Structures are given as structure tokens and as C-alpha cells.
């Protein structure tokens, strides 16, 4: 085993699947974990990945919602729905990787994650 404890795995999994908390919980949970576990590389990296992915989907949703007020955004709703489904699938993959004690990188957002 690679020395990853059950608590570390639990926190990493919680960061990835925090969108089940509803409301802004999907941003707040990985943010709290990210801020409190800076000394733990495994949890820190997983929470950073989850936080950036969740912020990206939130920004895309707000952008599409704003454009819906201009009627243009109605055409973006299927795209946003697909992006949410991709987030769901990749979060489940990331949570399973965390359970196995492995790292995971979300697709398409790695440049943003590296800047954080």
C-alpha cells in the first residue's frame, strides 16, 4: 500500500462528489478541504482538482444562464447539460481513483489547476 489513510481517501472522495450536497455545497466543501489540508499532498491535489472542476461548471452555468436572458443561451442549455453529465462521470472516476489511493486529473481543466 502507498501509505494513504482512510481519512485521506474519505476527504478526497468528499471533495469530488460534493455536488450531492446541493446549493453551493459543491464549491464550499472542496474549498474547505483545500484550505485545511494544504500539508497533505494527496488530499490537497484531489480537492484542488475538484474545486477547479466545480468552479468551471458553475461559471459555464452562469454564462449560459445569462445568455438565456438574451434568448441565445437557450441553445447552450443542452451543452451545459452535457458538461454537467461529464462532471458527474469524471467525478465518479476521480472518487474511485481516490478510493484506490491514486491521483486523478480532470480532462480539459488541467491548465487552470496548474495555475492554482
C-alpha atoms as a PDB file:
ATOM      1  CA  UNK A   1       0.000   0.000   0.000  1.00  0.00           C
ATOM      2  CA  UNK A   2       1.163   3.535  -0.673  1.00  0.00           C
ATOM      3  CA  UNK A   3       0.542   4.948   2.831  1.00  0.00           C
ATOM      4  CA  UNK A   4      -2.749   6.707   2.066  1.00  0.00           C
ATOM      5  CA  UNK A   5      -5.054   6.536   5.091  1.00  0.00           C
ATOM      6  CA  UNK A   6      -8.792   6.018   5.112  1.00  0.00           C
ATOM      7  CA  UNK A   7      -9.316   9.610   6.270  1.00  0.00           C
ATOM      8  CA  UNK A   8      -7.305  10.939   3.332  1.00  0.00           C
ATOM      9  CA  UNK A   9      -9.328   8.830   0.909  1.00  0.00           C
ATOM     10  CA  UNK A  10     -12.616   9.935   2.505  1.00  0.00           C
ATOM     11  CA  UNK A  11     -11.735  13.633   2.265  1.00  0.00           C
ATOM     12  CA  UNK A  12     -10.622  13.261  -1.357  1.00  0.00           C
ATOM     13  CA  UNK A  13     -13.822  11.410  -2.255  1.00  0.00           C
ATOM     14  CA  UNK A  14     -15.938  14.017  -0.456  1.00  0.00           C
ATOM     15  CA  UNK A  15     -14.259  16.798  -2.447  1.00  0.00           C
ATOM     16  CA  UNK A  16     -15.073  15.064  -5.734  1.00  0.00           C
ATOM     17  CA  UNK A  17     -18.692  14.148  -5.060  1.00  0.00           C
ATOM     18  CA  UNK A  18     -19.636  17.227  -3.037  1.00  0.00           C
ATOM     19  CA  UNK A  19     -22.141  18.321  -5.692  1.00  0.00           C
ATOM     20  CA  UNK A  20     -24.550  15.926  -3.969  1.00  0.00           C
ATOM     21  CA  UNK A  21     -24.607  18.422  -1.072  1.00  0.00           C
ATOM     22  CA  UNK A  22     -26.730  20.787  -3.161  1.00  0.00           C
ATOM     23  CA  UNK A  23     -26.649  24.556  -3.302  1.00  0.00           C
ATOM     24  CA  UNK A  24     -23.161  25.975  -3.107  1.00  0.00           C
ATOM     25  CA  UNK A  25     -22.002  22.977  -1.089  1.00  0.00           C
ATOM     26  CA  UNK A  26     -20.294  21.655  -4.189  1.00  0.00           C
ATOM     27  CA  UNK A  27     -17.964  24.681  -4.024  1.00  0.00           C
ATOM     28  CA  UNK A  28     -17.723  25.140  -0.255  1.00  0.00           C
ATOM     29  CA  UNK A  29     -16.808  21.517   0.636  1.00  0.00           C
ATOM     30  CA  UNK A  30     -13.781  21.185  -1.692  1.00  0.00           C
ATOM     31  CA  UNK A  31     -12.728  24.744  -0.792  1.00  0.00           C
ATOM     32  CA  UNK A  32     -12.697  23.965   2.940  1.00  0.00           C
ATOM     33  CA  UNK A  33     -10.848  20.705   2.356  1.00  0.00           C
ATOM     34  CA  UNK A  34      -8.401  22.509   0.043  1.00  0.00           C
ATOM     35  CA  UNK A  35      -7.680  25.208   2.636  1.00  0.00           C
ATOM     36  CA  UNK A  36      -7.436  22.900   5.646  1.00  0.00           C
ATOM     37  CA  UNK A  37      -5.336  20.132   4.093  1.00  0.00           C
ATOM     38  CA  UNK A  38      -2.540  22.058   2.379  1.00  0.00           C
ATOM     39  CA  UNK A  39       0.028  19.925   4.205  1.00  0.00           C
ATOM     40  CA  UNK A  40      -1.431  16.673   2.848  1.00  0.00           C
ATOM     41  CA  UNK A  41      -0.373  16.311  -0.798  1.00  0.00           C
ATOM     42  CA  UNK A  42      -2.894  13.575  -1.644  1.00  0.00           C
ATOM     43  CA  UNK A  43      -5.958  15.378  -0.261  1.00  0.00           C
ATOM     44  CA  UNK A  44      -4.712  18.769  -1.432  1.00  0.00           C
ATOM     45  CA  UNK A  45      -4.322  17.645  -5.051  1.00  0.00           C
ATOM     46  CA  UNK A  46      -7.700  15.905  -5.142  1.00  0.00           C
ATOM     47  CA  UNK A  47      -9.516  18.845  -3.550  1.00  0.00           C
ATOM     48  CA  UNK A  48      -7.770  21.279  -5.917  1.00  0.00           C
ATOM     49  CA  UNK A  49      -8.850  19.223  -8.942  1.00  0.00           C
ATOM     50  CA  UNK A  50     -12.436  19.046  -7.660  1.00  0.00           C
ATOM     51  CA  UNK A  51     -12.591  22.733  -6.738  1.00  0.00           C
ATOM     52  CA  UNK A  52     -11.418  23.912 -10.154  1.00  0.00           C
ATOM     53  CA  UNK A  53     -13.768  21.495 -11.954  1.00  0.00           C
ATOM     54  CA  UNK A  54     -16.731  22.627  -9.863  1.00  0.00           C
ATOM     55  CA  UNK A  55     -15.900  26.315 -10.319  1.00  0.00           C
ATOM     56  CA  UNK A  56     -15.588  25.797 -14.074  1.00  0.00           C
ATOM     57  CA  UNK A  57     -19.011  24.173 -14.305  1.00  0.00           C
ATOM     58  CA  UNK A  58     -20.508  26.916 -12.129  1.00  0.00           C
ATOM     59  CA  UNK A  59     -19.039  29.602 -14.407  1.00  0.00           C
ATOM     60  CA  UNK A  60     -20.313  27.818 -17.522  1.00  0.00           C
ATOM     61  CA  UNK A  61     -23.775  27.509 -15.985  1.00  0.00           C
ATOM     62  CA  UNK A  62     -23.880  31.206 -15.056  1.00  0.00           C
ATOM     63  CA  UNK A  63     -22.688  32.158 -18.526  1.00  0.00           C
ATOM     64  CA  UNK A  64     -25.376  30.045 -20.199  1.00  0.00           C
ATOM     65  CA  UNK A  65     -27.985  31.357 -17.753  1.00  0.00           C
ATOM     66  CA  UNK A  66     -27.051  34.944 -18.567  1.00  0.00           C
ATOM     67  CA  UNK A  67     -27.256  34.229 -22.276  1.00  0.00           C
ATOM     68  CA  UNK A  68     -30.677  32.635 -21.741  1.00  0.00           C
ATOM     69  CA  UNK A  69     -31.937  36.077 -20.759  1.00  0.00           C
ATOM     70  CA  UNK A  70     -30.880  37.167 -24.231  1.00  0.00           C
ATOM     71  CA  UNK A  71     -32.591  34.072 -25.737  1.00  0.00           C
ATOM     72  CA  UNK A  72     -29.260  32.993 -27.260  1.00  0.00           C
ATOM     73  CA  UNK A  73     -28.490  30.850 -24.232  1.00  0.00           C
ATOM     74  CA  UNK A  74     -31.419  28.516 -24.851  1.00  0.00           C
ATOM     75  CA  UNK A  75     -29.234  26.880 -27.464  1.00  0.00           C
ATOM     76  CA  UNK A  76     -26.462  26.437 -24.894  1.00  0.00           C
ATOM     77  CA  UNK A  77     -28.629  24.560 -22.379  1.00  0.00           C
ATOM     78  CA  UNK A  78     -28.003  21.150 -23.994  1.00  0.00           C
ATOM     79  CA  UNK A  79     -24.259  21.890 -23.979  1.00  0.00           C
ATOM     80  CA  UNK A  80     -24.356  22.807 -20.278  1.00  0.00           C
ATOM     81  CA  UNK A  81     -26.365  19.646 -19.564  1.00  0.00           C
ATOM     82  CA  UNK A  82     -23.717  17.564 -21.337  1.00  0.00           C
ATOM     83  CA  UNK A  83     -20.959  19.320 -19.363  1.00  0.00           C
ATOM     84  CA  UNK A  84     -22.796  18.529 -16.088  1.00  0.00           C
ATOM     85  CA  UNK A  85     -23.044  14.877 -17.142  1.00  0.00           C
ATOM     86  CA  UNK A  86     -19.321  14.867 -17.946  1.00  0.00           C
ATOM     87  CA  UNK A  87     -18.653  16.354 -14.490  1.00  0.00           C
ATOM     88  CA  UNK A  88     -20.766  13.631 -12.889  1.00  0.00           C
ATOM     89  CA  UNK A  89     -18.926  10.854 -14.730  1.00  0.00           C
ATOM     90  CA  UNK A  90     -15.444  12.290 -14.178  1.00  0.00           C
ATOM     91  CA  UNK A  91     -16.193  12.938 -10.500  1.00  0.00           C
ATOM     92  CA  UNK A  92     -17.190   9.324 -10.011  1.00  0.00           C
ATOM     93  CA  UNK A  93     -13.986   8.241 -11.770  1.00  0.00           C
ATOM     94  CA  UNK A  94     -11.968  10.641  -9.597  1.00  0.00           C
ATOM     95  CA  UNK A  95     -13.653   9.368  -6.427  1.00  0.00           C
ATOM     96  CA  UNK A  96     -12.870   5.771  -7.378  1.00  0.00           C
ATOM     97  CA  UNK A  97      -9.233   6.730  -8.059  1.00  0.00           C
ATOM     98  CA  UNK A  98      -9.104   8.421  -4.636  1.00  0.00           C
ATOM     99  CA  UNK A  99     -10.515   5.274  -3.039  1.00  0.00           C
ATOM    100  CA  UNK A 100      -7.674   3.312  -4.640  1.00  0.00           C
ATOM    101  CA  UNK A 101      -5.153   5.873  -3.355  1.00  0.00           C
ATOM    102  CA  UNK A 102      -4.309   7.144  -6.840  1.00  0.00           C
ATOM    103  CA  UNK A 103      -4.240  10.652  -8.269  1.00  0.00           C
ATOM    104  CA  UNK A 104      -6.627  11.890 -10.954  1.00  0.00           C
ATOM    105  CA  UNK A 105      -6.690  14.837 -13.332  1.00  0.00           C
ATOM    106  CA  UNK A 106      -9.959  16.113 -14.738  1.00  0.00           C
ATOM    107  CA  UNK A 107      -9.934  16.472 -18.525  1.00  0.00           C
ATOM    108  CA  UNK A 108      -9.897  19.939 -20.139  1.00  0.00           C
ATOM    109  CA  UNK A 109      -9.077  21.949 -16.990  1.00  0.00           C
ATOM    110  CA  UNK A 110      -5.512  20.959 -16.185  1.00  0.00           C
ATOM    111  CA  UNK A 111      -4.065  24.352 -17.222  1.00  0.00           C
ATOM    112  CA  UNK A 112      -6.393  26.063 -14.744  1.00  0.00           C
ATOM    113  CA  UNK A 113      -5.482  23.598 -11.997  1.00  0.00           C
ATOM    114  CA  UNK A 114      -1.765  24.124 -12.591  1.00  0.00           C
ATOM    115  CA  UNK A 115      -2.190  27.896 -12.115  1.00  0.00           C
ATOM    116  CA  UNK A 116      -3.714  27.439  -8.655  1.00  0.00           C
END
